Amino acid sequence: MHSPQEIWQDQSAATVGILHRFGRTAAFDDLVGKKLLTFTAATTTRPDFARQLPMFVSRIRGIFPRDTINTELLRVAQRLIECVRAAARNKDLSSSASTDLAAFRQVDDLPTTPSLGTA
């Protein structure tokens, strides 16, 4: 089993490859839209993940410039909101769109928070 530090380091390294091969949108969606959400969810029950979260977010800031982070966060939020609206229009009760949006809202400020620390 990998440590939380090894997990975010491996994921960050993979993101650099995705960035060069598929572009910033794909890389951001993978690292922030998937990996950060999963990692953050683990922090609620795993203190070892919580201790590593500031370093993971710092690495995200090292991969993506601030303006890219701001632009991409807005794009992801808009996409998730549209998914929620579409599910509501279609009365799709099985949609995970609301859950995905709620999870994203819990972490969307992390990459832009001026000061990260541990609680």
PDB file of N, CA and C in Angstrom:
ATOM      1  N   MET A   1       0.849  -1.181   0.000  1.00  0.00           N
ATOM      2  CA  MET A   1       0.000   0.000   0.000  1.00  0.00           C
ATOM      3  C   MET A   1       0.890   1.238   0.000  1.00  0.00           C
ATOM      4  N   HIS A   2       0.513   2.206  -0.791  1.00  0.00           N
ATOM      5  CA  HIS A   2       1.293   3.433  -0.906  1.00  0.00           C
ATOM      6  C   HIS A   2       0.894   4.435   0.168  1.00  0.00           C
ATOM      7  N   SER A   3       1.857   5.223   0.584  1.00  0.00           N
ATOM      8  CA  SER A   3       1.580   6.280   1.550  1.00  0.00           C
ATOM      9  C   SER A   3       0.863   7.423   0.830  1.00  0.00           C
ATOM     10  N   PRO A   4       0.157   8.271   1.575  1.00  0.00           N
ATOM     11  CA  PRO A   4      -0.487   9.427   0.946  1.00  0.00           C
ATOM     12  C   PRO A   4       0.504  10.292   0.162  1.00  0.00           C
ATOM     13  N   GLN A   5       1.705  10.455   0.693  1.00  0.00           N
ATOM     14  CA  GLN A   5       2.706  11.256  -0.005  1.00  0.00           C
ATOM     15  C   GLN A   5       3.077  10.616  -1.347  1.00  0.00           C
ATOM     16  N   GLU A   6       3.278   9.317  -1.350  1.00  0.00           N
ATOM     17  CA  GLU A   6       3.600   8.624  -2.601  1.00  0.00           C
ATOM     18  C   GLU A   6       2.449   8.736  -3.594  1.00  0.00           C
ATOM     19  N   ILE A   7       1.228   8.690  -3.091  1.00  0.00           N
ATOM     20  CA  ILE A   7       0.059   8.782  -3.968  1.00  0.00           C
ATOM     21  C   ILE A   7       0.027  10.120  -4.681  1.00  0.00           C
ATOM     22  N   TRP A   8       0.100  11.235  -3.919  1.00  0.00           N
ATOM     23  CA  TRP A   8      -0.001  12.529  -4.600  1.00  0.00           C
ATOM     24  C   TRP A   8       1.223  12.807  -5.459  1.00  0.00           C
ATOM     25  N   GLN A   9       2.373  12.314  -5.067  1.00  0.00           N
ATOM     26  CA  GLN A   9       3.559  12.518  -5.897  1.00  0.00           C
ATOM     27  C   GLN A   9       3.438  11.751  -7.215  1.00  0.00           C
ATOM     28  N   ASP A  10       2.982  10.513  -7.151  1.00  0.00           N
ATOM     29  CA  ASP A  10       2.781   9.730  -8.376  1.00  0.00           C
ATOM     30  C   ASP A  10       1.725  10.366  -9.273  1.00  0.00           C
ATOM     31  N   GLN A  11       0.629  10.818  -8.667  1.00  0.00           N
ATOM     32  CA  GLN A  11      -0.440  11.432  -9.443  1.00  0.00           C
ATOM     33  C   GLN A  11       0.023  12.734 -10.088  1.00  0.00           C
ATOM     34  N   SER A  12       0.805  13.508  -9.366  1.00  0.00           N
ATOM     35  CA  SER A  12       1.327  14.765  -9.905  1.00  0.00           C
ATOM     36  C   SER A  12       2.289  14.502 -11.061  1.00  0.00           C
ATOM     37  N   ALA A  13       3.137  13.506 -10.910  1.00  0.00           N
ATOM     38  CA  ALA A  13       4.076  13.158 -11.975  1.00  0.00           C
ATOM     39  C   ALA A  13       3.325  12.710 -13.224  1.00  0.00           C
ATOM     40  N   ALA A  14       2.286  11.919 -13.036  1.00  0.00           N
ATOM     41  CA  ALA A  14       1.481  11.477 -14.178  1.00  0.00           C
ATOM     42  C   ALA A  14       0.800  12.658 -14.855  1.00  0.00           C
ATOM     43  N   THR A  15       0.401  13.643 -14.072  1.00  0.00           N
ATOM     44  CA  THR A  15      -0.275  14.814 -14.630  1.00  0.00           C
ATOM     45  C   THR A  15       0.640  15.602 -15.553  1.00  0.00           C
ATOM     46  N   VAL A  16       1.899  15.681 -15.226  1.00  0.00           N
ATOM     47  CA  VAL A  16       2.845  16.391 -16.097  1.00  0.00           C
ATOM     48  C   VAL A  16       2.872  15.712 -17.462  1.00  0.00           C
ATOM     49  N   GLY A  17       2.860  14.392 -17.484  1.00  0.00           N
ATOM     50  CA  GLY A  17       2.806  13.672 -18.753  1.00  0.00           C
ATOM     51  C   GLY A  17       1.514  13.929 -19.506  1.00  0.00           C
ATOM     52  N   ILE A  18       0.401  13.931 -18.789  1.00  0.00           N
ATOM     53  CA  ILE A  18      -0.899  14.216 -19.409  1.00  0.00           C
ATOM     54  C   ILE A  18      -0.903  15.630 -19.973  1.00  0.00           C
ATOM     55  N   LEU A  19      -0.340  16.554 -19.234  1.00  0.00           N
ATOM     56  CA  LEU A  19      -0.276  17.950 -19.674  1.00  0.00           C
ATOM     57  C   LEU A  19       0.453  18.071 -21.006  1.00  0.00           C
ATOM     58  N   HIS A  20       1.590  17.425 -21.123  1.00  0.00           N
ATOM     59  CA  HIS A  20       2.374  17.513 -22.354  1.00  0.00           C
ATOM     60  C   HIS A  20       1.735  16.754 -23.512  1.00  0.00           C
ATOM     61  N   ARG A  21       1.049  15.674 -23.175  1.00  0.00           N
ATOM     62  CA  ARG A  21       0.482  14.842 -24.238  1.00  0.00           C
ATOM     63  C   ARG A  21      -0.916  15.280 -24.669  1.00  0.00           C
ATOM     64  N   PHE A  22      -1.759  15.670 -23.697  1.00  0.00           N
ATOM     65  CA  PHE A  22      -3.164  15.940 -24.004  1.00  0.00           C
ATOM     66  C   PHE A  22      -3.612  17.366 -23.715  1.00  0.00           C
ATOM     67  N   GLY A  23      -2.778  18.173 -23.076  1.00  0.00           N
ATOM     68  CA  GLY A  23      -3.119  19.566 -22.821  1.00  0.00           C
ATOM     69  C   GLY A  23      -3.597  19.834 -21.409  1.00  0.00           C
ATOM     70  N   ARG A  24      -3.733  21.128 -21.141  1.00  0.00           N
ATOM     71  CA  ARG A  24      -4.023  21.547 -19.764  1.00  0.00           C
ATOM     72  C   ARG A  24      -5.402  21.137 -19.273  1.00  0.00           C
ATOM     73  N   THR A  25      -6.405  21.154 -20.150  1.00  0.00           N
ATOM     74  CA  THR A  25      -7.750  20.799 -19.704  1.00  0.00           C
ATOM     75  C   THR A  25      -7.800  19.353 -19.232  1.00  0.00           C
ATOM     76  N   ALA A  26      -7.243  18.459 -20.014  1.00  0.00           N
ATOM     77  CA  ALA A  26      -7.233  17.043 -19.624  1.00  0.00           C
ATOM     78  C   ALA A  26      -6.425  16.840 -18.345  1.00  0.00           C
ATOM     79  N   ALA A  27      -5.289  17.509 -18.252  1.00  0.00           N
ATOM     80  CA  ALA A  27      -4.437  17.370 -17.069  1.00  0.00           C
ATOM     81  C   ALA A  27      -5.135  17.909 -15.829  1.00  0.00           C
ATOM     82  N   PHE A  28      -5.782  19.055 -15.952  1.00  0.00           N
ATOM     83  CA  PHE A  28      -6.480  19.659 -14.816  1.00  0.00           C
ATOM     84  C   PHE A  28      -7.661  18.794 -14.392  1.00  0.00           C
ATOM     85  N   ASP A  29      -8.435  18.324 -15.367  1.00  0.00           N
ATOM     86  CA  ASP A  29      -9.580  17.475 -15.044  1.00  0.00           C
ATOM     87  C   ASP A  29      -9.135  16.228 -14.294  1.00  0.00           C
ATOM     88  N   ASP A  30      -8.016  15.658 -14.714  1.00  0.00           N
ATOM     89  CA  ASP A  30      -7.521  14.456 -14.064  1.00  0.00           C
ATOM     90  C   ASP A  30      -7.034  14.751 -12.646  1.00  0.00           C
ATOM     91  N   LEU A  31      -6.157  15.746 -12.506  1.00  0.00           N
ATOM     92  CA  LEU A  31      -5.542  15.980 -11.202  1.00  0.00           C
ATOM     93  C   LEU A  31      -6.485  16.645 -10.201  1.00  0.00           C
ATOM     94  N   VAL A  32      -7.170  17.673 -10.622  1.00  0.00           N
ATOM     95  CA  VAL A  32      -8.043  18.403  -9.696  1.00  0.00           C
ATOM     96  C   VAL A  32      -9.460  17.830  -9.711  1.00  0.00           C
ATOM     97  N   GLY A  33      -9.979  17.583 -10.909  1.00  0.00           N
ATOM     98  CA  GLY A  33     -11.356  17.100 -11.027  1.00  0.00           C
ATOM     99  C   GLY A  33     -11.570  15.681 -10.558  1.00  0.00           C
ATOM    100  N   LYS A  34     -10.500  14.895 -10.472  1.00  0.00           N
ATOM    101  CA  LYS A  34     -10.640  13.510 -10.012  1.00  0.00           C
ATOM    102  C   LYS A  34      -9.754  13.226  -8.811  1.00  0.00           C
ATOM    103  N   LYS A  35      -8.460  13.377  -8.986  1.00  0.00           N
ATOM    104  CA  LYS A  35      -7.508  12.952  -7.951  1.00  0.00           C
ATOM    105  C   LYS A  35      -7.619  13.780  -6.675  1.00  0.00           C
ATOM    106  N   LEU A  36      -7.709  15.104  -6.796  1.00  0.00           N
ATOM    107  CA  LEU A  36      -7.825  15.941  -5.602  1.00  0.00           C
ATOM    108  C   LEU A  36      -9.132  15.654  -4.869  1.00  0.00           C
ATOM    109  N   LEU A  37     -10.215  15.449  -5.617  1.00  0.00           N
ATOM    110  CA  LEU A  37     -11.493  15.127  -4.976  1.00  0.00           C
ATOM    111  C   LEU A  37     -11.392  13.829  -4.177  1.00  0.00           C
ATOM    112  N   THR A  38     -10.793  12.827  -4.769  1.00  0.00           N
ATOM    113  CA  THR A  38     -10.644  11.533  -4.094  1.00  0.00           C
ATOM    114  C   THR A  38      -9.732  11.655  -2.880  1.00  0.00           C
ATOM    115  N   PHE A  39      -8.617  12.348  -3.057  1.00  0.00           N
ATOM    116  CA  PHE A  39      -7.661  12.524  -1.970  1.00  0.00           C
ATOM    117  C   PHE A  39      -8.314  13.270  -0.808  1.00  0.00           C
ATOM    118  N   THR A  40      -9.054  14.324  -1.119  1.00  0.00           N
ATOM    119  CA  THR A  40      -9.718  15.117  -0.088  1.00  0.00           C
ATOM    120  C   THR A  40     -10.778  14.298   0.643  1.00  0.00           C
ATOM    121  N   ALA A  41     -11.488  13.468  -0.081  1.00  0.00           N
ATOM    122  CA  ALA A  41     -12.485  12.609   0.569  1.00  0.00           C
ATOM    123  C   ALA A  41     -11.826  11.696   1.599  1.00  0.00           C
ATOM    124  N   ALA A  42     -10.633  11.234   1.299  1.00  0.00           N
ATOM    125  CA  ALA A  42      -9.911  10.359   2.228  1.00  0.00           C
ATOM    126  C   ALA A  42      -9.485  11.095   3.495  1.00  0.00           C
ATOM    127  N   THR A  43      -9.358  12.415   3.425  1.00  0.00           N
ATOM    128  CA  THR A  43      -8.906  13.175   4.597  1.00  0.00           C
ATOM    129  C   THR A  43      -9.922  13.151   5.730  1.00  0.00           C
ATOM    130  N   THR A  44     -11.170  12.867   5.421  1.00  0.00           N
ATOM    131  CA  THR A  44     -12.194  12.878   6.467  1.00  0.00           C
ATOM    132  C   THR A  44     -12.046  11.726   7.449  1.00  0.00           C
ATOM    133  N   THR A  45     -11.407  10.652   7.008  1.00  0.00           N
ATOM    134  CA  THR A  45     -11.233   9.492   7.889  1.00  0.00           C
ATOM    135  C   THR A  45      -9.776   9.093   8.076  1.00  0.00           C
ATOM    136  N   ARG A  46      -8.886   9.727   7.330  1.00  0.00           N
ATOM    137  CA  ARG A  46      -7.472   9.343   7.388  1.00  0.00           C
ATOM    138  C   ARG A  46      -6.598  10.566   7.684  1.00  0.00           C
ATOM    139  N   PRO A  47      -6.172  10.746   8.917  1.00  0.00           N
ATOM    140  CA  PRO A  47      -5.326  11.893   9.261  1.00  0.00           C
ATOM    141  C   PRO A  47      -4.029  11.963   8.463  1.00  0.00           C
ATOM    142  N   ASP A  48      -3.504  10.814   8.039  1.00  0.00           N
ATOM    143  CA  ASP A  48      -2.274  10.823   7.243  1.00  0.00           C
ATOM    144  C   ASP A  48      -2.504  11.492   5.891  1.00  0.00           C
ATOM    145  N   PHE A  49      -3.696  11.362   5.340  1.00  0.00           N
ATOM    146  CA  PHE A  49      -4.034  12.068   4.100  1.00  0.00           C
ATOM    147  C   PHE A  49      -4.202  13.562   4.387  1.00  0.00           C
ATOM    148  N   ALA A  50      -4.848  13.895   5.482  1.00  0.00           N
ATOM    149  CA  ALA A  50      -5.064  15.302   5.841  1.00  0.00           C
ATOM    150  C   ALA A  50      -3.735  16.034   6.001  1.00  0.00           C
ATOM    151  N   ARG A  51      -2.753  15.383   6.594  1.00  0.00           N
ATOM    152  CA  ARG A  51      -1.441  16.016   6.772  1.00  0.00           C
ATOM    153  C   ARG A  51      -0.744  16.276   5.439  1.00  0.00           C
ATOM    154  N   GLN A  52      -1.018  15.479   4.444  1.00  0.00           N
ATOM    155  CA  GLN A  52      -0.361  15.615   3.143  1.00  0.00           C
ATOM    156  C   GLN A  52      -1.107  16.560   2.191  1.00  0.00           C
ATOM    157  N   LEU A  53      -2.344  16.906   2.520  1.00  0.00           N
ATOM    158  CA  LEU A  53      -3.151  17.734   1.619  1.00  0.00           C
ATOM    159  C   LEU A  53      -2.495  19.063   1.257  1.00  0.00           C
ATOM    160  N   PRO A  54      -1.929  19.823   2.208  1.00  0.00           N
ATOM    161  CA  PRO A  54      -1.288  21.089   1.808  1.00  0.00           C
ATOM    162  C   PRO A  54      -0.140  20.891   0.806  1.00  0.00           C
ATOM    163  N   MET A  55       0.626  19.822   0.948  1.00  0.00           N
ATOM    164  CA  MET A  55       1.715  19.580   0.013  1.00  0.00           C
ATOM    165  C   MET A  55       1.187  19.206  -1.369  1.00  0.00           C
ATOM    166  N   PHE A  56       0.097  18.448  -1.395  1.00  0.00           N
ATOM    167  CA  PHE A  56      -0.518  18.079  -2.665  1.00  0.00           C
ATOM    168  C   PHE A  56      -1.010  19.336  -3.383  1.00  0.00           C
ATOM    169  N   VAL A  57      -1.701  20.193  -2.660  1.00  0.00           N
ATOM    170  CA  VAL A  57      -2.214  21.431  -3.258  1.00  0.00           C
ATOM    171  C   VAL A  57      -1.055  22.319  -3.714  1.00  0.00           C
ATOM    172  N   SER A  58      -0.002  22.369  -2.936  1.00  0.00           N
ATOM    173  CA  SER A  58       1.173  23.138  -3.332  1.00  0.00           C
ATOM    174  C   SER A  58       1.751  22.619  -4.644  1.00  0.00           C
ATOM    175  N   ARG A  59       1.764  21.310  -4.807  1.00  0.00           N
ATOM    176  CA  ARG A  59       2.263  20.722  -6.056  1.00  0.00           C
ATOM    177  C   ARG A  59       1.367  21.083  -7.220  1.00  0.00           C
ATOM    178  N   ILE A  60       0.056  21.090  -6.994  1.00  0.00           N
ATOM    179  CA  ILE A  60      -0.882  21.509  -8.046  1.00  0.00           C
ATOM    180  C   ILE A  60      -0.549  22.925  -8.490  1.00  0.00           C
ATOM    181  N   ARG A  61      -0.275  23.797  -7.520  1.00  0.00           N
ATOM    182  CA  ARG A  61       0.094  25.181  -7.831  1.00  0.00           C
ATOM    183  C   ARG A  61       1.405  25.261  -8.603  1.00  0.00           C
ATOM    184  N   GLY A  62       2.280  24.285  -8.398  1.00  0.00           N
ATOM    185  CA  GLY A  62       3.533  24.253  -9.132  1.00  0.00           C
ATOM    186  C   GLY A  62       3.369  23.770 -10.565  1.00  0.00           C
ATOM    187  N   ILE A  63       2.345  22.998 -10.810  1.00  0.00           N
ATOM    188  CA  ILE A  63       2.102  22.476 -12.155  1.00  0.00           C
ATOM    189  C   ILE A  63       1.330  23.477 -13.005  1.00  0.00           C
ATOM    190  N   PHE A  64       0.339  24.114 -12.409  1.00  0.00           N
ATOM    191  CA  PHE A  64      -0.534  25.029 -13.154  1.00  0.00           C
ATOM    192  C   PHE A  64      -0.355  26.458 -12.668  1.00  0.00           C
ATOM    193  N   PRO A  65      -0.194  27.410 -13.586  1.00  0.00           N
ATOM    194  CA  PRO A  65      -0.140  28.826 -13.183  1.00  0.00           C
ATOM    195  C   PRO A  65      -1.481  29.264 -12.592  1.00  0.00           C
ATOM    196  N   ARG A  66      -1.430  30.302 -11.761  1.00  0.00           N
ATOM    197  CA  ARG A  66      -2.633  30.794 -11.067  1.00  0.00           C
ATOM    198  C   ARG A  66      -3.769  31.110 -12.039  1.00  0.00           C
ATOM    199  N   ASP A  67      -3.471  31.774 -13.154  1.00  0.00           N
ATOM    200  CA  ASP A  67      -4.539  32.124 -14.091  1.00  0.00           C
ATOM    201  C   ASP A  67      -5.171  30.876 -14.702  1.00  0.00           C
ATOM    202  N   THR A  68      -4.377  29.860 -14.948  1.00  0.00           N
ATOM    203  CA  THR A  68      -4.914  28.596 -15.449  1.00  0.00           C
ATOM    204  C   THR A  68      -5.799  27.953 -14.400  1.00  0.00           C
ATOM    205  N   ILE A  69      -5.357  27.940 -13.161  1.00  0.00           N
ATOM    206  CA  ILE A  69      -6.159  27.357 -12.081  1.00  0.00           C
ATOM    207  C   ILE A  69      -7.503  28.061 -11.993  1.00  0.00           C
ATOM    208  N   ASN A  70      -7.490  29.381 -12.002  1.00  0.00           N
ATOM    209  CA  ASN A  70      -8.752  30.135 -11.908  1.00  0.00           C
ATOM    210  C   ASN A  70      -9.673  29.823 -13.082  1.00  0.00           C
ATOM    211  N   THR A  71      -9.124  29.819 -14.291  1.00  0.00           N
ATOM    212  CA  THR A  71      -9.918  29.546 -15.492  1.00  0.00           C
ATOM    213  C   THR A  71     -10.486  28.135 -15.467  1.00  0.00           C
ATOM    214  N   GLU A  72      -9.645  27.179 -15.124  1.00  0.00           N
ATOM    215  CA  GLU A  72     -10.070  25.782 -15.132  1.00  0.00           C
ATOM    216  C   GLU A  72     -11.070  25.473 -14.016  1.00  0.00           C
ATOM    217  N   LEU A  73     -10.894  26.068 -12.844  1.00  0.00           N
ATOM    218  CA  LEU A  73     -11.872  25.868 -11.764  1.00  0.00           C
ATOM    219  C   LEU A  73     -13.250  26.357 -12.192  1.00  0.00           C
ATOM    220  N   LEU A  74     -13.282  27.504 -12.831  1.00  0.00           N
ATOM    221  CA  LEU A  74     -14.554  28.048 -13.316  1.00  0.00           C
ATOM    222  C   LEU A  74     -15.168  27.121 -14.365  1.00  0.00           C
ATOM    223  N   ARG A  75     -14.354  26.624 -15.275  1.00  0.00           N
ATOM    224  CA  ARG A  75     -14.849  25.729 -16.322  1.00  0.00           C
ATOM    225  C   ARG A  75     -15.425  24.446 -15.720  1.00  0.00           C
ATOM    226  N   VAL A  76     -14.718  23.850 -14.774  1.00  0.00           N
ATOM    227  CA  VAL A  76     -15.194  22.615 -14.147  1.00  0.00           C
ATOM    228  C   VAL A  76     -16.502  22.877 -13.401  1.00  0.00           C
ATOM    229  N   ALA A  77     -16.562  23.969 -12.658  1.00  0.00           N
ATOM    230  CA  ALA A  77     -17.791  24.301 -11.916  1.00  0.00           C
ATOM    231  C   ALA A  77     -18.965  24.480 -12.876  1.00  0.00           C
ATOM    232  N   GLN A  78     -18.740  25.192 -13.972  1.00  0.00           N
ATOM    233  CA  GLN A  78     -19.824  25.411 -14.938  1.00  0.00           C
ATOM    234  C   GLN A  78     -20.283  24.093 -15.557  1.00  0.00           C
ATOM    235  N   ARG A  79     -19.346  23.210 -15.856  1.00  0.00           N
ATOM    236  CA  ARG A  79     -19.689  21.907 -16.428  1.00  0.00           C
ATOM    237  C   ARG A  79     -20.516  21.083 -15.440  1.00  0.00           C
ATOM    238  N   LEU A  80     -20.116  21.086 -14.179  1.00  0.00           N
ATOM    239  CA  LEU A  80     -20.850  20.318 -13.169  1.00  0.00           C
ATOM    240  C   LEU A  80     -22.246  20.896 -12.934  1.00  0.00           C
ATOM    241  N   ILE A  81     -22.342  22.208 -12.922  1.00  0.00           N
ATOM    242  CA  ILE A  81     -23.650  22.856 -12.758  1.00  0.00           C
ATOM    243  C   ILE A  81     -24.568  22.475 -13.909  1.00  0.00           C
ATOM    244  N   GLU A  82     -24.041  22.474 -15.120  1.00  0.00           N
ATOM    245  CA  GLU A  82     -24.849  22.086 -16.280  1.00  0.00           C
ATOM    246  C   GLU A  82     -25.282  20.624 -16.183  1.00  0.00           C
ATOM    247  N   CYS A  83     -24.424  19.769 -15.676  1.00  0.00           N
ATOM    248  CA  CYS A  83     -24.787  18.352 -15.482  1.00  0.00           C
ATOM    249  C   CYS A  83     -25.927  18.217 -14.474  1.00  0.00           C
ATOM    250  N   VAL A  84     -25.868  19.002 -13.406  1.00  0.00           N
ATOM    251  CA  VAL A  84     -26.942  18.985 -12.406  1.00  0.00           C
ATOM    252  C   VAL A  84     -28.251  19.456 -13.039  1.00  0.00           C
ATOM    253  N   ARG A  85     -28.187  20.524 -13.815  1.00  0.00           N
ATOM    254  CA  ARG A  85     -29.392  21.041 -14.480  1.00  0.00           C
ATOM    255  C   ARG A  85     -29.968  20.033 -15.463  1.00  0.00           C
ATOM    256  N   ALA A  86     -29.090  19.394 -16.227  1.00  0.00           N
ATOM    257  CA  ALA A  86     -29.544  18.394 -17.202  1.00  0.00           C
ATOM    258  C   ALA A  86     -30.203  17.218 -16.486  1.00  0.00           C
ATOM    259  N   ALA A  87     -29.623  16.777 -15.396  1.00  0.00           N
ATOM    260  CA  ALA A  87     -30.203  15.670 -14.628  1.00  0.00           C
ATOM    261  C   ALA A  87     -31.571  16.062 -14.084  1.00  0.00           C
ATOM    262  N   ALA A  88     -31.692  17.298 -13.637  1.00  0.00           N
ATOM    263  CA  ALA A  88     -32.975  17.770 -13.103  1.00  0.00           C
ATOM    264  C   ALA A  88     -34.025  17.841 -14.212  1.00  0.00           C
ATOM    265  N   ARG A  89     -33.616  18.350 -15.379  1.00  0.00           N
ATOM    266  CA  ARG A  89     -34.556  18.432 -16.510  1.00  0.00           C
ATOM    267  C   ARG A  89     -35.039  17.043 -16.919  1.00  0.00           C
ATOM    268  N   ASN A  90     -34.137  16.095 -16.885  1.00  0.00           N
ATOM    269  CA  ASN A  90     -34.464  14.730 -17.301  1.00  0.00           C
ATOM    270  C   ASN A  90     -35.016  13.879 -16.156  1.00  0.00           C
ATOM    271  N   LYS A  91     -35.136  14.506 -14.981  1.00  0.00           N
ATOM    272  CA  LYS A  91     -35.602  13.798 -13.784  1.00  0.00           C
ATOM    273  C   LYS A  91     -34.804  12.512 -13.567  1.00  0.00           C
ATOM    274  N   ASP A  92     -33.491  12.637 -13.758  1.00  0.00           N
ATOM    275  CA  ASP A  92     -32.568  11.509 -13.615  1.00  0.00           C
ATOM    276  C   ASP A  92     -32.109  11.424 -12.167  1.00  0.00           C
ATOM    277  N   LEU A  93     -32.796  10.620 -11.391  1.00  0.00           N
ATOM    278  CA  LEU A  93     -32.486  10.477  -9.975  1.00  0.00           C
ATOM    279  C   LEU A  93     -31.214   9.662  -9.743  1.00  0.00           C
ATOM    280  N   SER A  94     -30.767   8.939 -10.750  1.00  0.00           N
ATOM    281  CA  SER A  94     -29.561   8.125 -10.596  1.00  0.00           C
ATOM    282  C   SER A  94     -28.291   8.921 -10.894  1.00  0.00           C
ATOM    283  N   SER A  95     -28.441  10.149 -11.342  1.00  0.00           N
ATOM    284  CA  SER A  95     -27.284  10.968 -11.687  1.00  0.00           C
ATOM    285  C   SER A  95     -26.439  11.277 -10.454  1.00  0.00           C
ATOM    286  N   SER A  96     -25.139  11.225 -10.634  1.00  0.00           N
ATOM    287  CA  SER A  96     -24.221  11.582  -9.544  1.00  0.00           C
ATOM    288  C   SER A  96     -23.793  13.048  -9.643  1.00  0.00           C
ATOM    289  N   ALA A  97     -24.419  13.789 -10.529  1.00  0.00           N
ATOM    290  CA  ALA A  97     -24.012  15.169 -10.782  1.00  0.00           C
ATOM    291  C   ALA A  97     -24.071  16.039  -9.532  1.00  0.00           C
ATOM    292  N   SER A  98     -25.107  15.923  -8.745  1.00  0.00           N
ATOM    293  CA  SER A  98     -25.220  16.740  -7.529  1.00  0.00           C
ATOM    294  C   SER A  98     -24.135  16.389  -6.526  1.00  0.00           C
ATOM    295  N   THR A  99     -23.864  15.118  -6.390  1.00  0.00           N
ATOM    296  CA  THR A  99     -22.809  14.667  -5.477  1.00  0.00           C
ATOM    297  C   THR A  99     -21.451  15.167  -5.964  1.00  0.00           C
ATOM    298  N   ASP A 100     -21.218  15.061  -7.260  1.00  0.00           N
ATOM    299  CA  ASP A 100     -19.955  15.525  -7.832  1.00  0.00           C
ATOM    300  C   ASP A 100     -19.778  17.031  -7.624  1.00  0.00           C
ATOM    301  N   LEU A 101     -20.844  17.796  -7.822  1.00  0.00           N
ATOM    302  CA  LEU A 101     -20.773  19.236  -7.629  1.00  0.00           C
ATOM    303  C   LEU A 101     -20.517  19.578  -6.166  1.00  0.00           C
ATOM    304  N   ALA A 102     -21.180  18.905  -5.260  1.00  0.00           N
ATOM    305  CA  ALA A 102     -20.970  19.156  -3.831  1.00  0.00           C
ATOM    306  C   ALA A 102     -19.532  18.838  -3.434  1.00  0.00           C
ATOM    307  N   ALA A 103     -19.003  17.739  -3.936  1.00  0.00           N
ATOM    308  CA  ALA A 103     -17.609  17.376  -3.632  1.00  0.00           C
ATOM    309  C   ALA A 103     -16.650  18.408  -4.208  1.00  0.00           C
ATOM    310  N   PHE A 104     -16.915  18.856  -5.417  1.00  0.00           N
ATOM    311  CA  PHE A 104     -16.059  19.863  -6.041  1.00  0.00           C
ATOM    312  C   PHE A 104     -16.101  21.170  -5.252  1.00  0.00           C
ATOM    313  N   ARG A 105     -17.267  21.555  -4.789  1.00  0.00           N
ATOM    314  CA  ARG A 105     -17.406  22.796  -4.017  1.00  0.00           C
ATOM    315  C   ARG A 105     -16.609  22.736  -2.715  1.00  0.00           C
ATOM    316  N   GLN A 106     -16.381  21.545  -2.206  1.00  0.00           N
ATOM    317  CA  GLN A 106     -15.601  21.416  -0.972  1.00  0.00           C
ATOM    318  C   GLN A 106     -14.117  21.650  -1.202  1.00  0.00           C
ATOM    319  N   VAL A 107     -13.651  21.469  -2.421  1.00  0.00           N
ATOM    320  CA  VAL A 107     -12.210  21.598  -2.679  1.00  0.00           C
ATOM    321  C   VAL A 107     -11.860  22.699  -3.663  1.00  0.00           C
ATOM    322  N   ASP A 108     -12.845  23.347  -4.278  1.00  0.00           N
ATOM    323  CA  ASP A 108     -12.529  24.274  -5.358  1.00  0.00           C
ATOM    324  C   ASP A 108     -11.733  25.498  -4.914  1.00  0.00           C
ATOM    325  N   ASP A 109     -11.756  25.825  -3.647  1.00  0.00           N
ATOM    326  CA  ASP A 109     -10.987  26.978  -3.189  1.00  0.00           C
ATOM    327  C   ASP A 109      -9.559  26.603  -2.765  1.00  0.00           C
ATOM    328  N   LEU A 110      -9.271  25.321  -2.601  1.00  0.00           N
ATOM    329  CA  LEU A 110      -7.937  24.919  -2.136  1.00  0.00           C
ATOM    330  C   LEU A 110      -6.800  25.399  -3.040  1.00  0.00           C
ATOM    331  N   PRO A 111      -6.897  25.213  -4.363  1.00  0.00           N
ATOM    332  CA  PRO A 111      -5.758  25.647  -5.186  1.00  0.00           C
ATOM    333  C   PRO A 111      -5.519  27.153  -5.216  1.00  0.00           C
ATOM    334  N   THR A 112      -6.493  27.947  -4.759  1.00  0.00           N
ATOM    335  CA  THR A 112      -6.322  29.393  -4.794  1.00  0.00           C
ATOM    336  C   THR A 112      -6.244  30.037  -3.417  1.00  0.00           C
ATOM    337  N   THR A 113      -6.362  29.260  -2.356  1.00  0.00           N
ATOM    338  CA  THR A 113      -6.270  29.785  -0.994  1.00  0.00           C
ATOM    339  C   THR A 113      -4.866  30.324  -0.763  1.00  0.00           C
ATOM    340  N   PRO A 114      -4.757  31.564  -0.281  1.00  0.00           N
ATOM    341  CA  PRO A 114      -3.426  32.162  -0.122  1.00  0.00           C
ATOM    342  C   PRO A 114      -2.501  31.413   0.830  1.00  0.00           C
ATOM    343  N   SER A 115      -3.051  30.869   1.900  1.00  0.00           N
ATOM    344  CA  SER A 115      -2.207  30.219   2.893  1.00  0.00           C
ATOM    345  C   SER A 115      -2.782  28.854   3.232  1.00  0.00           C
ATOM    346  N   LEU A 116      -1.969  27.832   3.063  1.00  0.00           N
ATOM    347  CA  LEU A 116      -2.390  26.481   3.412  1.00  0.00           C
ATOM    348  C   LEU A 116      -1.711  26.069   4.692  1.00  0.00           C
ATOM    349  N   GLY A 117      -2.434  25.371   5.518  1.00  0.00           N
ATOM    350  CA  GLY A 117      -1.865  24.883   6.765  1.00  0.00           C
ATOM    351  C   GLY A 117      -2.576  23.620   7.171  1.00  0.00           C
ATOM    352  N   THR A 118      -2.246  23.138   8.316  1.00  0.00           N
ATOM    353  CA  THR A 118      -2.913  21.950   8.827  1.00  0.00           C
ATOM    354  C   THR A 118      -3.686  22.328  10.072  1.00  0.00           C
ATOM    355  N   ALA A 119      -4.762  21.624  10.266  1.00  0.00           N
ATOM    356  CA  ALA A 119      -5.600  21.898  11.444  1.00  0.00           C
ATOM    357  C   ALA A 119      -5.235  20.969  12.562  1.00  0.00           C
TER     358      ALA A 119
END
